Amino acid sequence: MFQPREDELTILTLKPDQVILPLVEENAQRQTIQGIEYQHPETVADVELVMKELRSEPFYWRLPEQFEGRKLTAYGGRLKYAIYFEAREETGFATYNPQVIINGGLPTHTRVIVRHVAAPLIGQLTRHDIEMTEHEWKYYGDDPRVTRTVTREDFMDVLYNVHYIIIKASHGSFMRKSR
């Protein structure tokens, strides 16, 4: 999922045995794997079962531990992922929530940054390729219409010690599946 700069040699991705990713609430306080199963080659969430545990939207896929910790070399690289969902309607409660949230930094100075990207369309696999620089990242809690971009210093502070990265899984309304 992380693709470092071209002058780097390592690509950070999911391991072959990481076929079940937990879903978490937007604040990453509660998580579940209930209703999540692997259907080769995809991890699929049954929203009805997930909602019994999380109870509210939006919810997010939490990336595993290899995406946490010191990730300064990710600066200038890419975060790539694909999303697919099934729902009755394109827009819903969670439509305008950030697509990607990264929490990181020193314990005394934690920052939460977000990236808004185009929401996927119902029934269409949507691939995202996000540059891992401060450009277009916002501070969590800011109005998405505000143009206050994260500073390079704050972005590097987050990458210095990533606590978690979550990618939005809930889209539209009356959603049935997310993968």
N, C-alpha and C. Protein backbone atom coordinates (compact mmCIF):
# COMPACT_ATOMS: atom_id res chain seq x y z
N MET A 1 0.80 -1.19 0.00
CA MET A 1 0.00 0.00 0.00
C MET A 1 0.85 1.26 0.00
N PHE A 2 1.90 1.33 0.81
CA PHE A 2 2.82 2.46 0.73
C PHE A 2 3.79 2.15 -0.39
N GLN A 3 3.99 3.08 -1.26
CA GLN A 3 5.03 2.92 -2.25
C GLN A 3 6.01 4.05 -2.05
N PRO A 4 7.24 3.73 -1.61
CA PRO A 4 8.21 4.77 -1.35
C PRO A 4 8.63 5.49 -2.63
N ARG A 5 9.41 6.55 -2.42
CA ARG A 5 9.95 7.29 -3.55
C ARG A 5 10.71 6.33 -4.46
N GLU A 6 10.93 6.73 -5.70
CA GLU A 6 11.59 5.87 -6.67
C GLU A 6 13.01 5.51 -6.25
N ASP A 7 13.68 6.37 -5.46
CA ASP A 7 15.04 6.07 -5.04
C ASP A 7 15.08 5.13 -3.83
N GLU A 8 13.93 4.74 -3.31
CA GLU A 8 13.85 3.79 -2.21
C GLU A 8 13.68 2.38 -2.79
N LEU A 9 14.00 1.36 -1.99
CA LEU A 9 13.93 -0.01 -2.48
C LEU A 9 12.76 -0.82 -1.92
N THR A 10 12.13 -0.36 -0.88
CA THR A 10 11.12 -1.15 -0.18
C THR A 10 9.71 -0.67 -0.49
N ILE A 11 8.82 -1.62 -0.70
CA ILE A 11 7.40 -1.32 -0.83
C ILE A 11 6.71 -1.96 0.37
N LEU A 12 5.96 -1.17 1.09
CA LEU A 12 5.23 -1.67 2.25
C LEU A 12 3.83 -2.04 1.80
N THR A 13 3.44 -3.29 2.01
CA THR A 13 2.14 -3.76 1.56
C THR A 13 1.56 -4.74 2.58
N LEU A 14 0.35 -5.19 2.32
CA LEU A 14 -0.24 -6.21 3.18
C LEU A 14 0.51 -7.52 3.01
N LYS A 15 0.64 -8.28 4.09
CA LYS A 15 1.26 -9.60 4.02
C LYS A 15 0.22 -10.59 3.51
N PRO A 16 0.66 -11.69 2.90
CA PRO A 16 -0.30 -12.67 2.35
C PRO A 16 -1.30 -13.20 3.37
N ASP A 17 -0.89 -13.29 4.64
CA ASP A 17 -1.82 -13.81 5.65
C ASP A 17 -2.72 -12.73 6.26
N GLN A 18 -2.58 -11.50 5.83
CA GLN A 18 -3.42 -10.41 6.35
C GLN A 18 -4.63 -10.22 5.45
N VAL A 19 -5.55 -11.16 5.55
CA VAL A 19 -6.73 -11.14 4.69
C VAL A 19 -7.96 -10.57 5.39
N ILE A 20 -7.89 -10.46 6.72
CA ILE A 20 -8.98 -9.87 7.50
C ILE A 20 -8.43 -8.61 8.17
N LEU A 21 -8.94 -7.46 7.75
CA LEU A 21 -8.58 -6.19 8.40
C LEU A 21 -9.73 -5.77 9.29
N PRO A 22 -9.44 -5.24 10.48
CA PRO A 22 -10.53 -4.79 11.33
C PRO A 22 -11.17 -3.52 10.80
N LEU A 23 -12.41 -3.32 11.13
CA LEU A 23 -13.10 -2.05 10.87
C LEU A 23 -13.17 -1.30 12.19
N VAL A 24 -12.98 0.02 12.12
CA VAL A 24 -13.00 0.86 13.31
C VAL A 24 -13.91 2.05 13.09
N GLU A 25 -14.34 2.65 14.21
CA GLU A 25 -15.07 3.90 14.12
C GLU A 25 -14.09 5.01 13.72
N GLU A 26 -14.62 6.16 13.35
CA GLU A 26 -13.78 7.27 12.88
C GLU A 26 -12.73 7.68 13.90
N ASN A 27 -13.01 7.57 15.17
CA ASN A 27 -12.03 7.94 16.19
C ASN A 27 -11.12 6.77 16.56
N ALA A 28 -11.31 5.63 15.92
CA ALA A 28 -10.50 4.41 16.10
C ALA A 28 -10.56 3.86 17.53
N GLN A 29 -11.57 4.21 18.29
CA GLN A 29 -11.68 3.72 19.67
C GLN A 29 -12.27 2.32 19.73
N ARG A 30 -13.22 2.01 18.87
CA ARG A 30 -13.85 0.68 18.85
C ARG A 30 -13.52 0.02 17.52
N GLN A 31 -13.32 -1.28 17.57
CA GLN A 31 -13.07 -2.00 16.33
C GLN A 31 -13.73 -3.36 16.36
N THR A 32 -13.90 -3.95 15.17
CA THR A 32 -14.51 -5.27 15.08
C THR A 32 -13.97 -6.01 13.86
N ILE A 33 -14.03 -7.32 13.95
CA ILE A 33 -13.82 -8.15 12.76
C ILE A 33 -15.09 -8.98 12.49
N GLN A 34 -16.13 -8.72 13.29
CA GLN A 34 -17.41 -9.40 13.08
C GLN A 34 -17.98 -8.96 11.73
N GLY A 35 -18.40 -9.92 10.92
CA GLY A 35 -18.98 -9.61 9.62
C GLY A 35 -17.96 -9.41 8.52
N ILE A 36 -16.69 -9.64 8.82
CA ILE A 36 -15.64 -9.46 7.82
C ILE A 36 -15.13 -10.85 7.44
N GLU A 37 -15.07 -11.09 6.15
CA GLU A 37 -14.57 -12.38 5.68
C GLU A 37 -13.73 -12.18 4.42
N TYR A 38 -12.92 -13.19 4.17
CA TYR A 38 -12.06 -13.15 2.99
C TYR A 38 -12.71 -13.97 1.88
N GLN A 39 -12.96 -13.32 0.76
CA GLN A 39 -13.48 -13.98 -0.44
C GLN A 39 -12.46 -13.70 -1.53
N HIS A 40 -11.57 -14.65 -1.76
CA HIS A 40 -10.44 -14.45 -2.66
C HIS A 40 -10.85 -13.70 -3.92
N PRO A 41 -10.20 -12.62 -4.26
CA PRO A 41 -9.00 -12.02 -3.66
C PRO A 41 -9.30 -10.81 -2.79
N GLU A 42 -10.50 -10.73 -2.19
CA GLU A 42 -10.90 -9.51 -1.49
C GLU A 42 -11.33 -9.78 -0.05
N THR A 43 -11.18 -8.77 0.78
CA THR A 43 -11.73 -8.77 2.13
C THR A 43 -13.06 -8.04 2.05
N VAL A 44 -14.12 -8.69 2.51
CA VAL A 44 -15.47 -8.16 2.35
C VAL A 44 -16.12 -7.97 3.73
N ALA A 45 -16.77 -6.82 3.90
CA ALA A 45 -17.49 -6.54 5.14
C ALA A 45 -18.98 -6.58 4.89
N ASP A 46 -19.69 -7.36 5.68
CA ASP A 46 -21.15 -7.38 5.67
C ASP A 46 -21.60 -6.30 6.65
N VAL A 47 -22.11 -5.21 6.12
CA VAL A 47 -22.38 -4.02 6.93
C VAL A 47 -23.39 -4.29 8.04
N GLU A 48 -24.38 -5.10 7.79
CA GLU A 48 -25.39 -5.40 8.82
C GLU A 48 -24.73 -6.02 10.05
N LEU A 49 -23.81 -6.94 9.83
CA LEU A 49 -23.12 -7.58 10.96
C LEU A 49 -22.13 -6.62 11.63
N VAL A 50 -21.44 -5.82 10.83
CA VAL A 50 -20.50 -4.84 11.37
C VAL A 50 -21.22 -3.84 12.27
N MET A 51 -22.40 -3.39 11.84
CA MET A 51 -23.15 -2.38 12.59
C MET A 51 -23.62 -2.89 13.96
N LYS A 52 -23.69 -4.19 14.14
CA LYS A 52 -24.05 -4.73 15.46
C LYS A 52 -22.96 -4.44 16.48
N GLU A 53 -21.73 -4.31 16.01
CA GLU A 53 -20.60 -4.02 16.90
C GLU A 53 -20.27 -2.53 16.96
N LEU A 54 -20.21 -1.88 15.81
CA LEU A 54 -19.78 -0.48 15.78
C LEU A 54 -20.93 0.50 15.97
N ARG A 55 -22.10 0.15 15.55
CA ARG A 55 -23.34 0.89 15.78
C ARG A 55 -23.47 2.24 15.09
N SER A 56 -22.41 2.78 14.54
CA SER A 56 -22.54 4.08 13.86
C SER A 56 -21.55 4.19 12.71
N GLU A 57 -21.92 5.00 11.76
CA GLU A 57 -21.05 5.27 10.62
C GLU A 57 -20.46 6.66 10.80
N PRO A 58 -19.39 6.98 10.15
CA PRO A 58 -18.67 6.13 9.22
C PRO A 58 -17.75 5.15 9.95
N PHE A 59 -17.37 4.10 9.25
CA PHE A 59 -16.35 3.21 9.78
C PHE A 59 -15.27 3.04 8.72
N TYR A 60 -14.11 2.60 9.20
CA TYR A 60 -12.88 2.62 8.40
C TYR A 60 -12.13 1.31 8.53
N TRP A 61 -11.44 0.91 7.45
CA TRP A 61 -10.51 -0.21 7.49
C TRP A 61 -9.25 0.28 8.21
N ARG A 62 -8.78 -0.46 9.19
CA ARG A 62 -7.54 -0.09 9.88
C ARG A 62 -6.39 -0.90 9.29
N LEU A 63 -5.37 -0.19 8.85
CA LEU A 63 -4.20 -0.87 8.28
C LEU A 63 -3.41 -1.54 9.40
N PRO A 64 -2.76 -2.67 9.09
CA PRO A 64 -2.06 -3.44 10.13
C PRO A 64 -0.78 -2.77 10.62
N GLU A 65 -0.17 -3.44 11.60
CA GLU A 65 0.95 -2.88 12.34
C GLU A 65 2.16 -2.48 11.51
N GLN A 66 2.38 -3.09 10.35
CA GLN A 66 3.55 -2.68 9.57
C GLN A 66 3.42 -1.27 8.99
N PHE A 67 2.21 -0.69 9.08
CA PHE A 67 1.98 0.68 8.63
C PHE A 67 2.10 1.67 9.79
N GLU A 68 2.46 1.18 10.96
CA GLU A 68 2.58 2.01 12.15
C GLU A 68 4.05 2.16 12.51
N GLY A 69 4.32 3.11 13.40
CA GLY A 69 5.69 3.33 13.85
C GLY A 69 6.38 4.40 13.00
N ARG A 70 7.68 4.32 12.94
CA ARG A 70 8.48 5.33 12.21
C ARG A 70 8.38 5.10 10.71
N LYS A 71 7.79 6.06 10.01
CA LYS A 71 7.56 5.95 8.57
C LYS A 71 8.06 7.19 7.82
N LEU A 72 9.12 7.80 8.31
CA LEU A 72 9.66 8.99 7.65
C LEU A 72 10.03 8.73 6.20
N THR A 73 10.45 7.51 5.88
CA THR A 73 10.83 7.22 4.49
C THR A 73 9.61 7.13 3.56
N ALA A 74 8.41 7.15 4.13
CA ALA A 74 7.21 7.16 3.29
C ALA A 74 6.99 8.53 2.67
N TYR A 75 7.65 9.56 3.20
CA TYR A 75 7.48 10.91 2.66
C TYR A 75 7.87 10.91 1.18
N GLY A 76 6.97 11.43 0.35
CA GLY A 76 7.20 11.47 -1.09
C GLY A 76 6.75 10.21 -1.81
N GLY A 77 6.39 9.18 -1.04
CA GLY A 77 5.90 7.94 -1.63
C GLY A 77 4.42 8.03 -1.95
N ARG A 78 3.77 6.89 -2.07
CA ARG A 78 2.35 6.83 -2.44
C ARG A 78 1.62 5.89 -1.49
N LEU A 79 0.38 6.23 -1.20
CA LEU A 79 -0.54 5.33 -0.49
C LEU A 79 -1.56 4.92 -1.54
N LYS A 80 -1.56 3.63 -1.88
CA LYS A 80 -2.46 3.13 -2.93
C LYS A 80 -3.43 2.12 -2.34
N TYR A 81 -4.69 2.25 -2.72
CA TYR A 81 -5.70 1.30 -2.27
C TYR A 81 -6.89 1.33 -3.23
N ALA A 82 -7.73 0.31 -3.12
CA ALA A 82 -8.93 0.21 -3.94
C ALA A 82 -10.13 -0.04 -3.03
N ILE A 83 -11.26 0.57 -3.37
CA ILE A 83 -12.50 0.45 -2.58
C ILE A 83 -13.64 0.07 -3.53
N TYR A 84 -14.52 -0.77 -3.05
CA TYR A 84 -15.73 -1.16 -3.77
C TYR A 84 -16.83 -1.25 -2.73
N PHE A 85 -18.03 -0.76 -3.06
CA PHE A 85 -19.14 -0.90 -2.12
C PHE A 85 -20.45 -1.09 -2.87
N GLU A 86 -21.41 -1.68 -2.16
CA GLU A 86 -22.76 -1.87 -2.67
C GLU A 86 -23.72 -1.16 -1.73
N ALA A 87 -24.59 -0.33 -2.29
CA ALA A 87 -25.58 0.41 -1.49
C ALA A 87 -26.74 0.78 -2.39
N ARG A 88 -27.82 1.25 -1.79
CA ARG A 88 -28.97 1.69 -2.58
C ARG A 88 -28.76 3.07 -3.16
N GLU A 89 -28.05 3.94 -2.45
CA GLU A 89 -27.85 5.32 -2.90
C GLU A 89 -26.39 5.71 -2.79
N GLU A 90 -25.92 6.57 -3.72
CA GLU A 90 -24.53 7.02 -3.76
C GLU A 90 -24.14 7.82 -2.53
N THR A 91 -25.00 8.72 -2.10
CA THR A 91 -24.64 9.60 -0.99
C THR A 91 -25.38 9.17 0.26
N GLY A 92 -24.77 9.49 1.37
CA GLY A 92 -25.37 9.15 2.65
C GLY A 92 -24.71 9.95 3.74
N PHE A 93 -24.97 9.53 4.97
CA PHE A 93 -24.48 10.23 6.14
C PHE A 93 -22.96 10.45 6.09
N ALA A 94 -22.22 9.44 5.67
CA ALA A 94 -20.76 9.50 5.74
C ALA A 94 -20.09 10.05 4.49
N THR A 95 -20.85 10.53 3.52
CA THR A 95 -20.28 10.94 2.24
C THR A 95 -19.17 11.97 2.38
N TYR A 96 -19.31 12.90 3.29
CA TYR A 96 -18.36 14.01 3.37
C TYR A 96 -17.29 13.84 4.43
N ASN A 97 -17.23 12.69 5.06
CA ASN A 97 -16.16 12.41 6.00
C ASN A 97 -14.88 12.10 5.24
N PRO A 98 -13.73 12.31 5.88
CA PRO A 98 -12.47 12.06 5.16
C PRO A 98 -12.33 10.62 4.73
N GLN A 99 -11.63 10.42 3.61
CA GLN A 99 -11.39 9.07 3.08
C GLN A 99 -10.23 8.39 3.81
N VAL A 100 -9.22 9.18 4.21
CA VAL A 100 -8.05 8.62 4.89
C VAL A 100 -7.76 9.46 6.13
N ILE A 101 -7.48 8.79 7.23
CA ILE A 101 -7.10 9.47 8.47
C ILE A 101 -5.81 8.84 8.97
N ILE A 102 -4.85 9.71 9.31
CA ILE A 102 -3.59 9.25 9.90
C ILE A 102 -3.42 9.95 11.25
N ASN A 103 -3.17 9.15 12.28
CA ASN A 103 -2.91 9.66 13.61
C ASN A 103 -1.45 9.34 13.91
N GLY A 104 -0.70 10.35 14.34
CA GLY A 104 0.70 10.10 14.65
C GLY A 104 1.35 11.26 15.36
N GLY A 105 2.64 11.11 15.60
CA GLY A 105 3.42 12.12 16.30
C GLY A 105 3.89 11.61 17.64
N LEU A 106 4.59 12.48 18.33
CA LEU A 106 5.06 12.15 19.67
C LEU A 106 3.87 12.10 20.63
N PRO A 107 3.94 11.30 21.68
CA PRO A 107 2.82 11.23 22.63
C PRO A 107 2.42 12.60 23.18
N THR A 108 3.38 13.50 23.30
CA THR A 108 3.08 14.84 23.84
C THR A 108 2.55 15.79 22.77
N HIS A 109 2.58 15.37 21.52
CA HIS A 109 2.18 16.27 20.42
C HIS A 109 1.55 15.47 19.27
N THR A 110 0.50 14.70 19.59
CA THR A 110 -0.17 13.87 18.58
C THR A 110 -0.98 14.76 17.64
N ARG A 111 -0.94 14.43 16.37
CA ARG A 111 -1.72 15.13 15.35
C ARG A 111 -2.57 14.10 14.62
N VAL A 112 -3.72 14.56 14.16
CA VAL A 112 -4.58 13.74 13.31
C VAL A 112 -4.77 14.53 12.02
N ILE A 113 -4.37 13.90 10.91
CA ILE A 113 -4.50 14.55 9.61
C ILE A 113 -5.41 13.71 8.73
N VAL A 114 -6.07 14.38 7.79
CA VAL A 114 -7.06 13.70 6.96
C VAL A 114 -6.85 14.06 5.50
N ARG A 115 -7.34 13.19 4.64
CA ARG A 115 -7.29 13.44 3.21
C ARG A 115 -8.68 13.19 2.65
N HIS A 116 -9.21 14.19 1.97
CA HIS A 116 -10.48 14.06 1.28
C HIS A 116 -10.18 13.76 -0.18
N VAL A 117 -10.75 12.69 -0.69
CA VAL A 117 -10.63 12.35 -2.11
C VAL A 117 -12.02 12.01 -2.61
N ALA A 118 -12.17 11.94 -3.90
CA ALA A 118 -13.47 11.64 -4.49
C ALA A 118 -14.01 10.31 -3.95
N ALA A 119 -15.26 10.33 -3.57
CA ALA A 119 -15.90 9.12 -3.06
C ALA A 119 -16.09 8.12 -4.20
N PRO A 120 -16.01 6.83 -3.90
CA PRO A 120 -16.25 5.83 -4.94
C PRO A 120 -17.71 5.81 -5.37
N LEU A 121 -17.96 5.25 -6.53
CA LEU A 121 -19.32 5.11 -7.04
C LEU A 121 -19.83 3.71 -6.70
N ILE A 122 -21.13 3.58 -6.53
CA ILE A 122 -21.75 2.29 -6.22
C ILE A 122 -21.38 1.26 -7.28
N GLY A 123 -20.93 0.11 -6.81
CA GLY A 123 -20.68 -1.01 -7.71
C GLY A 123 -19.50 -0.85 -8.65
N GLN A 124 -18.64 0.12 -8.39
CA GLN A 124 -17.46 0.32 -9.25
C GLN A 124 -16.20 0.30 -8.38
N LEU A 125 -15.24 -0.51 -8.77
CA LEU A 125 -13.96 -0.54 -8.07
C LEU A 125 -13.28 0.80 -8.30
N THR A 126 -12.92 1.47 -7.23
CA THR A 126 -12.28 2.78 -7.32
C THR A 126 -10.89 2.68 -6.71
N ARG A 127 -9.89 3.03 -7.50
CA ARG A 127 -8.50 3.01 -7.04
C ARG A 127 -8.06 4.42 -6.68
N HIS A 128 -7.38 4.53 -5.56
CA HIS A 128 -6.82 5.82 -5.13
C HIS A 128 -5.31 5.69 -5.04
N ASP A 129 -4.63 6.74 -5.40
CA ASP A 129 -3.18 6.81 -5.37
C ASP A 129 -2.84 8.17 -4.77
N ILE A 130 -2.52 8.18 -3.49
CA ILE A 130 -2.36 9.42 -2.73
C ILE A 130 -0.88 9.69 -2.46
N GLU A 131 -0.45 10.88 -2.80
CA GLU A 131 0.93 11.29 -2.56
C GLU A 131 1.14 11.51 -1.06
N MET A 132 2.20 10.94 -0.53
CA MET A 132 2.51 11.07 0.89
C MET A 132 3.39 12.29 1.13
N THR A 133 2.83 13.44 0.84
CA THR A 133 3.43 14.73 1.19
C THR A 133 2.32 15.55 1.83
N GLU A 134 2.67 16.69 2.36
CA GLU A 134 1.70 17.52 3.08
C GLU A 134 0.62 18.12 2.19
N HIS A 135 0.84 18.13 0.89
CA HIS A 135 -0.11 18.74 -0.04
C HIS A 135 -1.46 18.03 -0.01
N GLU A 136 -2.52 18.78 0.16
CA GLU A 136 -3.90 18.32 0.16
C GLU A 136 -4.33 17.59 1.44
N TRP A 137 -3.43 17.42 2.40
CA TRP A 137 -3.82 16.88 3.70
C TRP A 137 -4.30 18.03 4.57
N LYS A 138 -5.32 17.78 5.37
CA LYS A 138 -5.93 18.78 6.24
C LYS A 138 -5.83 18.31 7.69
N TYR A 139 -6.07 19.23 8.61
CA TYR A 139 -6.11 18.88 10.02
C TYR A 139 -7.49 18.33 10.35
N TYR A 140 -7.54 17.25 11.12
CA TYR A 140 -8.81 16.65 11.51
C TYR A 140 -9.65 17.66 12.27
N GLY A 141 -10.91 17.72 11.93
CA GLY A 141 -11.83 18.63 12.60
C GLY A 141 -12.03 19.93 11.85
N ASP A 142 -11.13 20.26 10.93
CA ASP A 142 -11.31 21.46 10.11
C ASP A 142 -12.44 21.22 9.13
N ASP A 143 -13.14 22.26 8.79
CA ASP A 143 -14.17 22.20 7.75
C ASP A 143 -13.48 21.83 6.43
N PRO A 144 -13.97 20.81 5.68
CA PRO A 144 -13.30 20.41 4.44
C PRO A 144 -13.22 21.54 3.41
N ARG A 145 -14.04 22.57 3.56
CA ARG A 145 -13.97 23.68 2.61
C ARG A 145 -12.84 24.64 2.95
N VAL A 146 -12.28 24.50 4.16
CA VAL A 146 -11.18 25.36 4.59
C VAL A 146 -9.91 24.89 3.87
N THR A 147 -9.10 25.84 3.46
CA THR A 147 -7.91 25.47 2.68
C THR A 147 -6.65 25.42 3.53
N ARG A 148 -6.79 25.21 4.83
CA ARG A 148 -5.63 25.15 5.72
C ARG A 148 -4.93 23.80 5.56
N THR A 149 -3.93 23.77 4.72
CA THR A 149 -3.19 22.54 4.45
C THR A 149 -2.22 22.26 5.59
N VAL A 150 -2.00 20.98 5.86
CA VAL A 150 -1.05 20.56 6.89
C VAL A 150 0.34 21.09 6.51
N THR A 151 1.07 21.54 7.50
CA THR A 151 2.43 22.02 7.24
C THR A 151 3.36 20.82 7.04
N ARG A 152 4.48 21.06 6.39
CA ARG A 152 5.45 19.98 6.18
C ARG A 152 5.96 19.47 7.54
N GLU A 153 6.20 20.39 8.45
CA GLU A 153 6.69 20.01 9.78
C GLU A 153 5.70 19.08 10.48
N ASP A 154 4.41 19.42 10.45
CA ASP A 154 3.40 18.58 11.09
C ASP A 154 3.27 17.23 10.38
N PHE A 155 3.35 17.25 9.04
CA PHE A 155 3.26 15.99 8.29
C PHE A 155 4.42 15.07 8.67
N MET A 156 5.62 15.63 8.76
CA MET A 156 6.79 14.83 9.13
C MET A 156 6.67 14.34 10.58
N ASP A 157 6.09 15.17 11.47
CA ASP A 157 5.88 14.74 12.85
C ASP A 157 4.95 13.52 12.90
N VAL A 158 3.91 13.53 12.08
CA VAL A 158 2.99 12.39 12.03
C VAL A 158 3.72 11.15 11.52
N LEU A 159 4.50 11.30 10.44
CA LEU A 159 5.24 10.16 9.89
C LEU A 159 6.34 9.67 10.83
N TYR A 160 6.82 10.54 11.70
CA TYR A 160 7.86 10.15 12.65
C TYR A 160 7.40 9.00 13.53
N ASN A 161 6.10 9.00 13.87
CA ASN A 161 5.56 7.91 14.69
C ASN A 161 4.07 7.75 14.39
N VAL A 162 3.75 6.97 13.36
CA VAL A 162 2.36 6.73 12.97
C VAL A 162 1.70 5.80 13.98
N HIS A 163 0.59 6.26 14.57
CA HIS A 163 -0.15 5.44 15.52
C HIS A 163 -1.14 4.55 14.79
N TYR A 164 -1.79 5.10 13.76
CA TYR A 164 -2.67 4.30 12.92
C TYR A 164 -2.99 5.04 11.63
N ILE A 165 -3.36 4.24 10.63
CA ILE A 165 -3.88 4.75 9.36
C ILE A 165 -5.19 4.02 9.12
N ILE A 166 -6.24 4.79 8.85
CA ILE A 166 -7.53 4.17 8.56
C ILE A 166 -8.07 4.72 7.23
N ILE A 167 -8.75 3.86 6.48
CA ILE A 167 -9.29 4.19 5.16
C ILE A 167 -10.80 3.94 5.19
N LYS A 168 -11.56 4.91 4.75
CA LYS A 168 -13.02 4.84 4.86
C LYS A 168 -13.59 3.64 4.12
N ALA A 169 -14.47 2.92 4.83
CA ALA A 169 -15.12 1.74 4.28
C ALA A 169 -16.61 1.96 4.06
N SER A 170 -17.21 2.94 4.76
CA SER A 170 -18.65 3.14 4.63
C SER A 170 -18.94 4.30 3.69
N HIS A 171 -19.78 4.01 2.71
CA HIS A 171 -20.13 4.98 1.68
C HIS A 171 -21.60 4.84 1.34
N GLY A 172 -22.20 5.92 0.83
CA GLY A 172 -23.59 5.86 0.40
C GLY A 172 -24.55 5.66 1.56
N SER A 173 -25.77 5.28 1.23
CA SER A 173 -26.75 4.99 2.27
C SER A 173 -27.40 3.64 1.96
N PHE A 174 -27.86 3.00 3.02
CA PHE A 174 -28.40 1.64 2.93
C PHE A 174 -27.32 0.71 2.34
N MET A 175 -26.12 0.87 2.84
CA MET A 175 -25.00 0.10 2.34
C MET A 175 -25.13 -1.36 2.76
N ARG A 176 -24.71 -2.25 1.86
CA ARG A 176 -24.77 -3.68 2.15
C ARG A 176 -23.38 -4.29 2.32
N LYS A 177 -22.47 -3.95 1.43
CA LYS A 177 -21.12 -4.54 1.45
C LYS A 177 -20.08 -3.48 1.18
N SER A 178 -18.88 -3.71 1.74
CA SER A 178 -17.72 -2.88 1.45
C SER A 178 -16.54 -3.81 1.30
N ARG A 179 -15.66 -3.48 0.35
CA ARG A 179 -14.42 -4.26 0.22
C ARG A 179 -13.32 -3.38 -0.27
